[in-house]
Amino acid sequence: MSVYETLRHFADSWALVAMFVVFLTLCAWPFRPGAHKQNNTAANSIFKDEIHGE
């Protein structure tokens, strides 16, 4: 078995599973308990220099 075939088999199996787990983790990260304050800070950070809606 060549190196290419070995790496191809790994990429088609376990690497795909690892990428899917990382994707799910990153999608769920903002919804974890305790993240509400950081999410609000990030959402409102673009307005921090505005004065009364100007």
C-alpha atoms as a PDB file:
ATOM      1  CA  MET A   1       0.000   0.000   0.000  1.00  0.00           C
ATOM      2  CA  SER A   2       1.438   3.367  -0.986  1.00  0.00           C
ATOM      3  CA  VAL A   3       1.649   6.478   1.163  1.00  0.00           C
ATOM      4  CA  TYR A   4      -0.975   8.140  -1.030  1.00  0.00           C
ATOM      5  CA  GLU A   5      -3.454   5.303  -0.508  1.00  0.00           C
ATOM      6  CA  THR A   6      -2.826   5.316   3.236  1.00  0.00           C
ATOM      7  CA  LEU A   7      -3.366   9.068   3.527  1.00  0.00           C
ATOM      8  CA  ARG A   8      -6.405   8.885   1.252  1.00  0.00           C
ATOM      9  CA  HIS A   9      -7.963   6.189   3.425  1.00  0.00           C
ATOM     10  CA  PHE A  10      -7.273   8.257   6.571  1.00  0.00           C
ATOM     11  CA  ALA A  11      -8.768  11.386   4.989  1.00  0.00           C
ATOM     12  CA  ASP A  12     -11.872   9.490   3.894  1.00  0.00           C
ATOM     13  CA  SER A  13     -12.513   8.068   7.335  1.00  0.00           C
ATOM     14  CA  TRP A  14     -11.097   9.562  10.538  1.00  0.00           C
ATOM     15  CA  ALA A  15     -10.159  12.992   9.220  1.00  0.00           C
ATOM     16  CA  LEU A  16     -13.734  13.464   8.022  1.00  0.00           C
ATOM     17  CA  VAL A  17     -15.053  12.487  11.440  1.00  0.00           C
ATOM     18  CA  ALA A  18     -12.617  14.882  13.142  1.00  0.00           C
ATOM     19  CA  MET A  19     -13.624  17.784  10.875  1.00  0.00           C
ATOM     20  CA  PHE A  20     -17.303  17.085  11.566  1.00  0.00           C
ATOM     21  CA  VAL A  21     -16.694  17.096  15.342  1.00  0.00           C
ATOM     22  CA  VAL A  22     -14.807  20.398  15.089  1.00  0.00           C
ATOM     23  CA  PHE A  23     -17.627  21.862  12.978  1.00  0.00           C
ATOM     24  CA  LEU A  24     -20.283  20.841  15.506  1.00  0.00           C
ATOM     25  CA  THR A  25     -18.200  22.200  18.386  1.00  0.00           C
ATOM     26  CA  LEU A  26     -17.740  25.578  16.706  1.00  0.00           C
ATOM     27  CA  CYS A  27     -21.451  25.788  15.841  1.00  0.00           C
ATOM     28  CA  ALA A  28     -22.496  24.995  19.416  1.00  0.00           C
ATOM     29  CA  TRP A  29     -19.895  27.232  21.122  1.00  0.00           C
ATOM     30  CA  PRO A  30     -22.002  30.452  21.194  1.00  0.00           C
ATOM     31  CA  PHE A  31     -24.918  28.573  22.774  1.00  0.00           C
ATOM     32  CA  ARG A  32     -23.002  27.214  25.774  1.00  0.00           C
ATOM     33  CA  PRO A  33     -24.134  28.215  29.269  1.00  0.00           C
ATOM     34  CA  GLY A  34     -22.468  31.406  30.435  1.00  0.00           C
ATOM     35  CA  ALA A  35     -21.804  32.819  26.964  1.00  0.00           C
ATOM     36  CA  HIS A  36     -24.698  35.286  27.022  1.00  0.00           C
ATOM     37  CA  LYS A  37     -22.639  38.202  28.368  1.00  0.00           C
ATOM     38  CA  GLN A  38     -19.830  37.736  25.829  1.00  0.00           C
ATOM     39  CA  ASN A  39     -22.337  37.406  22.992  1.00  0.00           C
ATOM     40  CA  ASN A  40     -24.074  40.657  23.965  1.00  0.00           C
ATOM     41  CA  THR A  41     -20.739  42.461  24.308  1.00  0.00           C
ATOM     42  CA  ALA A  42     -19.664  41.311  20.851  1.00  0.00           C
ATOM     43  CA  ALA A  43     -23.031  42.172  19.296  1.00  0.00           C
ATOM     44  CA  ASN A  44     -23.060  45.701  20.716  1.00  0.00           C
ATOM     45  CA  SER A  45     -19.356  46.512  20.307  1.00  0.00           C
ATOM     46  CA  ILE A  46     -19.916  48.295  16.982  1.00  0.00           C
ATOM     47  CA  PHE A  47     -22.115  50.857  18.753  1.00  0.00           C
ATOM     48  CA  LYS A  48     -19.742  51.701  21.623  1.00  0.00           C
ATOM     49  CA  ASP A  49     -18.515  55.002  20.091  1.00  0.00           C
ATOM     50  CA  GLU A  50     -21.943  56.314  19.049  1.00  0.00           C
ATOM     51  CA  ILE A  51     -23.565  59.114  21.001  1.00  0.00           C
ATOM     52  CA  HIS A  52     -27.368  58.891  21.318  1.00  0.00           C
ATOM     53  CA  GLY A  53     -27.851  57.066  18.017  1.00  0.00           C
ATOM     54  CA  GLU A  54     -25.842  59.444  15.872  1.00  0.00           C
END
